[in-house]
C-alpha atoms as a PDB file:
ATOM      1  CA  MET A   1     182.575 -17.605 253.209  1.00  0.00           C
ATOM      2  CA  ARG A   2     180.758 -19.917 250.856  1.00  0.00           C
ATOM      3  CA  GLY A   3     181.730 -23.553 250.917  1.00  0.00           C
ATOM      4  CA  LEU A   4     183.048 -23.516 254.488  1.00  0.00           C
ATOM      5  CA  PRO A   5     181.542 -25.513 257.331  1.00  0.00           C
ATOM      6  CA  SER A   6     179.882 -23.373 259.998  1.00  0.00           C
ATOM      7  CA  ASP A   7     181.488 -22.790 263.395  1.00  0.00           C
ATOM      8  CA  MET A   8     185.028 -23.676 262.342  1.00  0.00           C
ATOM      9  CA  LYS A   9     187.905 -23.428 264.802  1.00  0.00           C
ATOM     10  CA  LEU A  10     190.624 -21.355 263.194  1.00  0.00           C
ATOM     11  CA  ALA A  11     194.011 -19.753 263.616  1.00  0.00           C
ATOM     12  CA  VAL A  12     194.809 -16.403 261.995  1.00  0.00           C
ATOM     13  CA  LEU A  13     198.045 -15.558 260.211  1.00  0.00           C
ATOM     14  CA  TYR A  14     198.328 -12.228 261.975  1.00  0.00           C
ATOM     15  CA  SER A  15     200.478  -9.216 261.135  1.00  0.00           C
ATOM     16  CA  GLY A  16     198.706  -6.528 263.131  1.00  0.00           C
ATOM     17  CA  GLY A  17     197.757  -4.693 259.929  1.00  0.00           C
ATOM     18  CA  LYS A  18     194.360  -4.000 258.412  1.00  0.00           C
ATOM     19  CA  ASP A  19     194.098  -7.098 256.191  1.00  0.00           C
ATOM     20  CA  SER A  20     194.709  -9.786 258.816  1.00  0.00           C
ATOM     21  CA  ASN A  21     192.475  -7.953 261.279  1.00  0.00           C
ATOM     22  CA  TYR A  22     189.622  -7.466 258.813  1.00  0.00           C
ATOM     23  CA  ALA A  23     189.875 -11.085 257.647  1.00  0.00           C
ATOM     24  CA  MET A  24     189.658 -12.210 261.283  1.00  0.00           C
ATOM     25  CA  TYR A  25     186.757  -9.825 261.899  1.00  0.00           C
ATOM     26  CA  THR A  26     184.898 -11.256 258.902  1.00  0.00           C
ATOM     27  CA  MET A  27     185.266 -14.815 260.171  1.00  0.00           C
ATOM     28  CA  MET A  28     184.307 -13.923 263.752  1.00  0.00           C
ATOM     29  CA  LYS A  29     181.180 -12.124 262.529  1.00  0.00           C
ATOM     30  CA  ALA A  30     180.278 -15.258 260.559  1.00  0.00           C
ATOM     31  CA  GLY A  31     180.347 -17.295 263.781  1.00  0.00           C
ATOM     32  CA  HIS A  32     183.722 -18.999 263.504  1.00  0.00           C
ATOM     33  CA  GLU A  33     185.942 -19.352 266.573  1.00  0.00           C
ATOM     34  CA  ILE A  34     189.462 -17.933 266.537  1.00  0.00           C
ATOM     35  CA  GLN A  35     191.697 -20.147 268.660  1.00  0.00           C
ATOM     36  CA  CYS A  36     195.027 -18.358 268.256  1.00  0.00           C
ATOM     37  CA  LEU A  37     197.031 -15.792 266.297  1.00  0.00           C
ATOM     38  CA  LEU A  38     200.171 -16.766 264.363  1.00  0.00           C
ATOM     39  CA  THR A  39     202.801 -14.074 263.776  1.00  0.00           C
ATOM     40  CA  VAL A  40     205.997 -14.539 261.804  1.00  0.00           C
ATOM     41  CA  ARG A  41     208.358 -11.651 262.511  1.00  0.00           C
ATOM     42  CA  PRO A  42     210.739 -11.383 259.547  1.00  0.00           C
ATOM     43  CA  SER A  43     214.293 -10.100 259.843  1.00  0.00           C
ATOM     44  CA  SER A  44     213.683  -6.999 257.717  1.00  0.00           C
ATOM     45  CA  VAL A  45     211.273  -5.048 255.563  1.00  0.00           C
ATOM     46  CA  GLU A  46     212.696  -6.903 252.553  1.00  0.00           C
ATOM     47  CA  SER A  47     210.499  -9.931 253.306  1.00  0.00           C
ATOM     48  CA  MET A  48     208.352 -10.930 250.317  1.00  0.00           C
ATOM     49  CA  LEU A  49     205.928 -12.909 252.470  1.00  0.00           C
ATOM     50  CA  PHE A  50     205.456 -11.244 255.837  1.00  0.00           C
ATOM     51  CA  HIS A  51     204.679  -7.831 257.238  1.00  0.00           C
ATOM     52  CA  TYR A  52     207.606  -6.215 259.081  1.00  0.00           C
ATOM     53  CA  PRO A  53     206.914  -2.693 260.458  1.00  0.00           C
ATOM     54  CA  ASN A  54     205.766  -2.801 264.099  1.00  0.00           C
ATOM     55  CA  VAL A  55     204.972  -6.512 263.987  1.00  0.00           C
ATOM     56  CA  TRP A  56     206.498  -6.820 267.477  1.00  0.00           C
ATOM     57  CA  HIS A  57     203.419  -5.014 268.844  1.00  0.00           C
ATOM     58  CA  THR A  58     201.032  -7.837 267.931  1.00  0.00           C
ATOM     59  CA  ASP A  59     201.312  -8.896 271.575  1.00  0.00           C
ATOM     60  CA  LEU A  60     199.250  -5.835 272.531  1.00  0.00           C
ATOM     61  CA  GLN A  61     196.619  -6.683 269.948  1.00  0.00           C
ATOM     62  CA  SER A  62     196.525 -10.268 271.200  1.00  0.00           C
ATOM     63  CA  GLU A  63     195.976  -9.028 274.751  1.00  0.00           C
ATOM     64  CA  SER A  64     193.229  -6.673 273.622  1.00  0.00           C
ATOM     65  CA  LEU A  65     191.480  -9.454 271.699  1.00  0.00           C
ATOM     66  CA  GLY A  66     191.912 -11.998 274.483  1.00  0.00           C
ATOM     67  CA  ILE A  67     193.251 -14.470 271.911  1.00  0.00           C
ATOM     68  CA  PRO A  68     196.590 -16.279 272.447  1.00  0.00           C
ATOM     69  CA  LEU A  69     199.516 -15.285 270.235  1.00  0.00           C
ATOM     70  CA  LEU A  70     202.161 -17.669 268.909  1.00  0.00           C
ATOM     71  CA  ALA A  71     205.107 -15.853 267.342  1.00  0.00           C
ATOM     72  CA  ASN A  72     208.388 -16.720 265.637  1.00  0.00           C
ATOM     73  CA  SER A  73     211.216 -14.358 264.730  1.00  0.00           C
ATOM     74  CA  THR A  74     213.345 -15.237 261.719  1.00  0.00           C
ATOM     75  CA  ARG A  75     216.975 -14.383 261.145  1.00  0.00           C
ATOM     76  CA  LYS A  76     218.445 -13.211 257.889  1.00  0.00           C
ATOM     77  CA  GLY A  77     218.908 -16.155 255.551  1.00  0.00           C
ATOM     78  CA  GLU A  78     216.408 -18.395 257.326  1.00  0.00           C
ATOM     79  CA  ASP A  79     213.476 -19.864 255.414  1.00  0.00           C
ATOM     80  CA  GLU A  80     210.415 -17.892 256.511  1.00  0.00           C
ATOM     81  CA  LEU A  81     208.063 -20.678 255.459  1.00  0.00           C
ATOM     82  CA  ASP A  82     209.888 -23.041 257.810  1.00  0.00           C
ATOM     83  CA  SER A  83     209.153 -20.532 260.562  1.00  0.00           C
ATOM     84  CA  LEU A  84     205.484 -20.508 259.572  1.00  0.00           C
ATOM     85  CA  SER A  85     205.392 -24.305 259.485  1.00  0.00           C
ATOM     86  CA  ASP A  86     206.813 -24.407 263.009  1.00  0.00           C
ATOM     87  CA  LEU A  87     204.104 -22.011 264.192  1.00  0.00           C
ATOM     88  CA  VAL A  88     201.407 -24.157 262.628  1.00  0.00           C
ATOM     89  CA  GLU A  89     202.806 -27.226 264.390  1.00  0.00           C
ATOM     90  CA  ARG A  90     202.773 -25.353 267.696  1.00  0.00           C
ATOM     91  CA  ALA A  91     199.204 -24.250 267.083  1.00  0.00           C
ATOM     92  CA  LEU A  92     198.089 -27.794 266.348  1.00  0.00           C
ATOM     93  CA  SER A  93     199.733 -29.076 269.519  1.00  0.00           C
ATOM     94  CA  SER A  94     198.131 -26.471 271.771  1.00  0.00           C
ATOM     95  CA  HIS A  95     194.826 -25.658 270.053  1.00  0.00           C
ATOM     96  CA  GLU A  96     192.129 -27.478 268.141  1.00  0.00           C
ATOM     97  CA  ILE A  97     192.162 -25.840 264.711  1.00  0.00           C
ATOM     98  CA  GLU A  98     190.832 -26.798 261.300  1.00  0.00           C
ATOM     99  CA  GLY A  99     192.257 -24.027 259.167  1.00  0.00           C
ATOM    100  CA  VAL A 100     194.261 -20.805 259.044  1.00  0.00           C
ATOM    101  CA  VAL A 101     192.819 -17.434 258.035  1.00  0.00           C
ATOM    102  CA  THR A 102     194.931 -15.061 255.945  1.00  0.00           C
ATOM    103  CA  GLY A 103     194.338 -11.478 254.841  1.00  0.00           C
ATOM    104  CA  GLY A 104     195.400 -12.010 251.246  1.00  0.00           C
ATOM    105  CA  VAL A 105     193.604  -9.883 248.663  1.00  0.00           C
ATOM    106  CA  LYS A 106     195.229 -10.772 245.345  1.00  0.00           C
ATOM    107  CA  SER A 107     198.830 -11.965 245.803  1.00  0.00           C
ATOM    108  CA  GLU A 108     199.024 -15.417 244.202  1.00  0.00           C
ATOM    109  CA  TYR A 109     202.683 -15.555 245.288  1.00  0.00           C
ATOM    110  CA  GLN A 110     201.796 -15.418 248.978  1.00  0.00           C
ATOM    111  CA  LYS A 111     198.579 -17.420 248.746  1.00  0.00           C
ATOM    112  CA  GLY A 112     200.189 -20.398 247.047  1.00  0.00           C
ATOM    113  CA  ARG A 113     203.105 -20.607 249.461  1.00  0.00           C
ATOM    114  CA  PHE A 114     200.982 -20.217 252.566  1.00  0.00           C
ATOM    115  CA  GLU A 115     198.434 -22.804 251.482  1.00  0.00           C
ATOM    116  CA  LYS A 116     201.189 -25.306 250.736  1.00  0.00           C
ATOM    117  CA  VAL A 117     202.264 -25.025 254.381  1.00  0.00           C
ATOM    118  CA  PHE A 118     198.715 -25.296 255.673  1.00  0.00           C
ATOM    119  CA  THR A 119     197.778 -28.325 253.579  1.00  0.00           C
ATOM    120  CA  SER A 120     200.985 -30.100 254.590  1.00  0.00           C
ATOM    121  CA  HIS A 121     199.598 -30.043 258.130  1.00  0.00           C
ATOM    122  CA  GLY A 122     196.111 -31.133 257.108  1.00  0.00           C
ATOM    123  CA  LEU A 123     194.627 -27.648 257.399  1.00  0.00           C
ATOM    124  CA  ILE A 124     192.759 -25.464 254.934  1.00  0.00           C
ATOM    125  CA  GLY A 125     193.666 -21.904 254.037  1.00  0.00           C
ATOM    126  CA  VAL A 126     190.784 -19.483 254.505  1.00  0.00           C
ATOM    127  CA  ASN A 127     190.984 -16.240 252.510  1.00  0.00           C
ATOM    128  CA  PRO A 128     187.840 -14.163 253.143  1.00  0.00           C
ATOM    129  CA  LEU A 129     189.211 -11.033 251.422  1.00  0.00           C
ATOM    130  CA  TRP A 130     190.368 -12.784 248.258  1.00  0.00           C
ATOM    131  CA  GLY A 131     189.264 -10.871 245.170  1.00  0.00           C
ATOM    132  CA  ILE A 132     187.439  -8.191 247.150  1.00  0.00           C
ATOM    133  CA  ASP A 133     186.786  -4.829 245.502  1.00  0.00           C
ATOM    134  CA  GLU A 134     189.570  -2.829 247.121  1.00  0.00           C
ATOM    135  CA  GLN A 135     187.743   0.496 246.999  1.00  0.00           C
ATOM    136  CA  VAL A 136     184.722  -1.013 248.721  1.00  0.00           C
ATOM    137  CA  TYR A 137     186.966  -2.776 251.217  1.00  0.00           C
ATOM    138  CA  LEU A 138     188.827   0.374 252.281  1.00  0.00           C
ATOM    139  CA  ARG A 139     185.582   2.230 252.852  1.00  0.00           C
ATOM    140  CA  GLU A 140     184.165  -0.729 254.793  1.00  0.00           C
ATOM    141  CA  LEU A 141     187.120  -0.576 257.185  1.00  0.00           C
ATOM    142  CA  VAL A 142     186.081   2.881 258.313  1.00  0.00           C
ATOM    143  CA  MET A 143     182.366   2.096 258.361  1.00  0.00           C
ATOM    144  CA  ALA A 144     183.104  -0.935 260.569  1.00  0.00           C
ATOM    145  CA  LYS A 145     184.904   1.359 263.049  1.00  0.00           C
ATOM    146  CA  PHE A 146     188.441   0.153 262.441  1.00  0.00           C
ATOM    147  CA  LYS A 147     191.100   2.588 263.616  1.00  0.00           C
ATOM    148  CA  VAL A 148     193.964   2.067 261.168  1.00  0.00           C
ATOM    149  CA  ILE A 149     197.171   4.074 260.791  1.00  0.00           C
ATOM    150  CA  ILE A 150     199.645   3.956 257.922  1.00  0.00           C
ATOM    151  CA  THR A 151     203.045   2.771 259.127  1.00  0.00           C
ATOM    152  CA  ARG A 152     204.989   2.449 255.874  1.00  0.00           C
ATOM    153  CA  VAL A 153     204.820   3.894 252.362  1.00  0.00           C
ATOM    154  CA  ALA A 154     206.856   2.868 249.323  1.00  0.00           C
ATOM    155  CA  ALA A 155     204.995   4.125 246.260  1.00  0.00           C
ATOM    156  CA  GLN A 156     205.180   7.163 244.034  1.00  0.00           C
ATOM    157  CA  GLY A 157     202.704   9.756 245.257  1.00  0.00           C
ATOM    158  CA  LEU A 158     202.926   8.764 248.918  1.00  0.00           C
ATOM    159  CA  GLY A 159     205.264  10.998 250.925  1.00  0.00           C
ATOM    160  CA  PRO A 160     206.249  11.189 254.610  1.00  0.00           C
ATOM    161  CA  GLU A 161     203.091  13.161 255.364  1.00  0.00           C
ATOM    162  CA  TRP A 162     201.159   9.860 255.102  1.00  0.00           C
ATOM    163  CA  LEU A 163     203.095   8.167 257.883  1.00  0.00           C
ATOM    164  CA  GLY A 164     201.056   7.957 261.079  1.00  0.00           C
ATOM    165  CA  VAL A 165     197.883   9.083 259.311  1.00  0.00           C
ATOM    166  CA  GLU A 166     194.650   7.475 260.471  1.00  0.00           C
ATOM    167  CA  LEU A 167     192.420   6.326 257.642  1.00  0.00           C
ATOM    168  CA  ASP A 168     189.031   7.993 257.451  1.00  0.00           C
ATOM    169  CA  LEU A 169     186.655   8.317 254.502  1.00  0.00           C
ATOM    170  CA  GLU A 170     188.196  11.578 253.305  1.00  0.00           C
ATOM    171  CA  ARG A 171     191.732  10.205 253.394  1.00  0.00           C
ATOM    172  CA  ILE A 172     190.659   7.002 251.689  1.00  0.00           C
ATOM    173  CA  GLU A 173     189.258   9.022 248.783  1.00  0.00           C
ATOM    174  CA  ARG A 174     192.570  10.893 248.538  1.00  0.00           C
ATOM    175  CA  LEU A 175     194.449   7.591 248.657  1.00  0.00           C
ATOM    176  CA  LEU A 176     192.269   6.106 245.911  1.00  0.00           C
ATOM    177  CA  ALA A 177     192.854   9.163 243.719  1.00  0.00           C
ATOM    178  CA  LEU A 178     196.616   8.950 244.231  1.00  0.00           C
ATOM    179  CA  ALA A 179     196.571   5.221 243.501  1.00  0.00           C
ATOM    180  CA  LYS A 180     194.762   5.817 240.217  1.00  0.00           C
ATOM    181  CA  LYS A 181     197.099   8.655 239.218  1.00  0.00           C
ATOM    182  CA  ASN A 182     200.314   6.841 240.165  1.00  0.00           C
ATOM    183  CA  ARG A 183     199.151   3.306 239.347  1.00  0.00           C
ATOM    184  CA  PHE A 184     199.713   1.632 242.685  1.00  0.00           C
ATOM    185  CA  ASN A 185     197.493  -0.773 244.618  1.00  0.00           C
ATOM    186  CA  PRO A 186     195.374   1.256 247.084  1.00  0.00           C
ATOM    187  CA  SER A 187     195.100  -1.650 249.518  1.00  0.00           C
ATOM    188  CA  PHE A 188     198.936  -1.932 249.548  1.00  0.00           C
ATOM    189  CA  GLU A 189     198.845  -5.605 248.518  1.00  0.00           C
ATOM    190  CA  GLY A 190     201.947  -5.118 246.387  1.00  0.00           C
ATOM    191  CA  GLY A 191     204.097  -3.688 249.168  1.00  0.00           C
ATOM    192  CA  GLU A 192     203.169  -0.057 248.473  1.00  0.00           C
ATOM    193  CA  GLY A 193     202.505   0.448 252.169  1.00  0.00           C
ATOM    194  CA  GLU A 194     201.770  -1.144 255.522  1.00  0.00           C
ATOM    195  CA  THR A 195     199.282  -0.417 258.289  1.00  0.00           C
ATOM    196  CA  PHE A 196     198.705  -1.052 261.976  1.00  0.00           C
ATOM    197  CA  VAL A 197     195.322  -1.463 263.673  1.00  0.00           C
ATOM    198  CA  LEU A 198     194.836   0.478 266.897  1.00  0.00           C
ATOM    199  CA  ASP A 199     191.205  -0.451 267.417  1.00  0.00           C
ATOM    200  CA  MET A 200     188.428  -2.567 265.903  1.00  0.00           C
ATOM    201  CA  PRO A 201     185.103  -3.956 267.136  1.00  0.00           C
ATOM    202  CA  PHE A 202     186.551  -7.080 268.779  1.00  0.00           C
ATOM    203  CA  PHE A 203     189.330  -5.257 270.648  1.00  0.00           C
ATOM    204  CA  ARG A 204     188.484  -4.988 274.351  1.00  0.00           C
ATOM    205  CA  LYS A 205     190.862  -2.066 274.707  1.00  0.00           C
ATOM    206  CA  GLU A 206     192.355   0.278 272.151  1.00  0.00           C
ATOM    207  CA  ILE A 207     196.061   0.756 271.533  1.00  0.00           C
ATOM    208  CA  LEU A 208     197.525   4.142 272.341  1.00  0.00           C
ATOM    209  CA  VAL A 209     200.765   5.077 270.584  1.00  0.00           C
ATOM    210  CA  VAL A 210     202.912   6.781 273.218  1.00  0.00           C
ATOM    211  CA  ASP A 211     206.018   7.380 271.131  1.00  0.00           C
ATOM    212  CA  ALA A 212     206.765   6.905 267.445  1.00  0.00           C
ATOM    213  CA  GLU A 213     209.404   8.005 264.983  1.00  0.00           C
ATOM    214  CA  LYS A 214     209.404   8.545 261.243  1.00  0.00           C
ATOM    215  CA  THR A 215     212.335   7.393 259.144  1.00  0.00           C
ATOM    216  CA  TRP A 216     212.650   8.310 255.468  1.00  0.00           C
ATOM    217  CA  GLU A 217     215.159   7.267 252.816  1.00  0.00           C
ATOM    218  CA  LYS A 218     214.950   8.134 249.110  1.00  0.00           C
ATOM    219  CA  ASP A 219     211.300   7.488 248.203  1.00  0.00           C
ATOM    220  CA  GLU A 220     210.094   5.287 251.064  1.00  0.00           C
ATOM    221  CA  GLY A 221     209.648   5.557 254.792  1.00  0.00           C
ATOM    222  CA  THR A 222     208.397   3.919 257.968  1.00  0.00           C
ATOM    223  CA  LEU A 223     206.634   4.927 261.150  1.00  0.00           C
ATOM    224  CA  ASN A 224     208.370   3.005 263.935  1.00  0.00           C
ATOM    225  CA  ILE A 225     206.174   2.659 267.000  1.00  0.00           C
ATOM    226  CA  LYS A 226     208.661   2.841 269.844  1.00  0.00           C
ATOM    227  CA  LYS A 227     206.196   2.618 272.714  1.00  0.00           C
ATOM    228  CA  ALA A 228     202.513   1.727 272.875  1.00  0.00           C
ATOM    229  CA  THR A 229     200.060   0.738 275.568  1.00  0.00           C
ATOM    230  CA  LEU A 230     196.451  -0.357 276.024  1.00  0.00           C
ATOM    231  CA  ARG A 231     193.745   1.906 277.393  1.00  0.00           C
ATOM    232  CA  ASP A 232     190.055   1.490 278.085  1.00  0.00           C
ATOM    233  CA  LYS A 233     187.860   2.549 275.214  1.00  0.00           C
ATOM    234  CA  SER A 234     185.722   4.572 277.605  1.00  0.00           C
ATOM    235  CA  ASP A 235     188.769   6.789 278.201  1.00  0.00           C
ATOM    236  CA  TYR A 236     189.125   7.538 274.500  1.00  0.00           C
ATOM    237  CA  VAL A 237     187.669  10.680 272.981  1.00  0.00           C
ATOM    238  CA  ARG A 238     188.327  11.126 269.252  1.00  0.00           C
ATOM    239  CA  GLU A 239     189.248  14.804 269.292  1.00  0.00           C
ATOM    240  CA  ASP A 240     191.920  14.716 266.600  1.00  0.00           C
ATOM    241  CA  LYS A 241     192.263  12.336 263.629  1.00  0.00           C
ATOM    242  CA  ARG A 242     195.753  13.356 262.604  1.00  0.00           C
ATOM    243  CA  GLY A 243     197.217  10.213 264.166  1.00  0.00           C
ATOM    244  CA  PRO A 244     199.714   9.689 266.988  1.00  0.00           C
ATOM    245  CA  SER A 245     202.294  12.193 268.057  1.00  0.00           C
ATOM    246  CA  ILE A 246     205.416  11.622 265.976  1.00  0.00           C
ATOM    247  CA  SER A 247     208.978  12.414 266.982  1.00  0.00           C
ATOM    248  CA  TYR A 248     211.674  13.078 264.411  1.00  0.00           C
END
């Protein structure tokens, strides 16, 4: 990113989804050092600030990356920003960090609140995806060999058939067409959907979904990953891109 010192030591506000992973990937490729991952686990999907579906599996991603994870779970009614502030304090006490990376694309609501927490601790907020062309970004995910599955949908035009789907170039084009037709954000920045990353270039092992379940109510649904494990990438042969086996 322009304007940043080189070789910064950073934490990542980490949800396990595509945006936080791609933001981290961008900073690692630029030569910055990721000291730790910070995960706030909200009490429900109703959170306006933090990713909820399958966020409890960020421990597997942390293990695959070889980067320590600091996590907080919030209860209903608790201030989620207080939980984030506590995580930042813990990170500062255990790691040498200068800033916190987020995967924000265009949400001023989230960006402003997060950066207020970071600056209160003397840190800068780093937003490498801010303002990115979302169509270009989605295609870059696939070209960079990210293995991303959709774990939640909540937008007109996206039905239960999208849950558990792995994004490839063909599916991204379908998603972009649906987004244009139904006027939703294709990168899901407005809560239209959520994702989970099973593999990316800096993962030492990939995540295998052993058991998952779809839930659907009215016009929205979630893929709940009930069991997942790590496996060596050498053991993985991409024979089928339909996503993990789903139980109903």
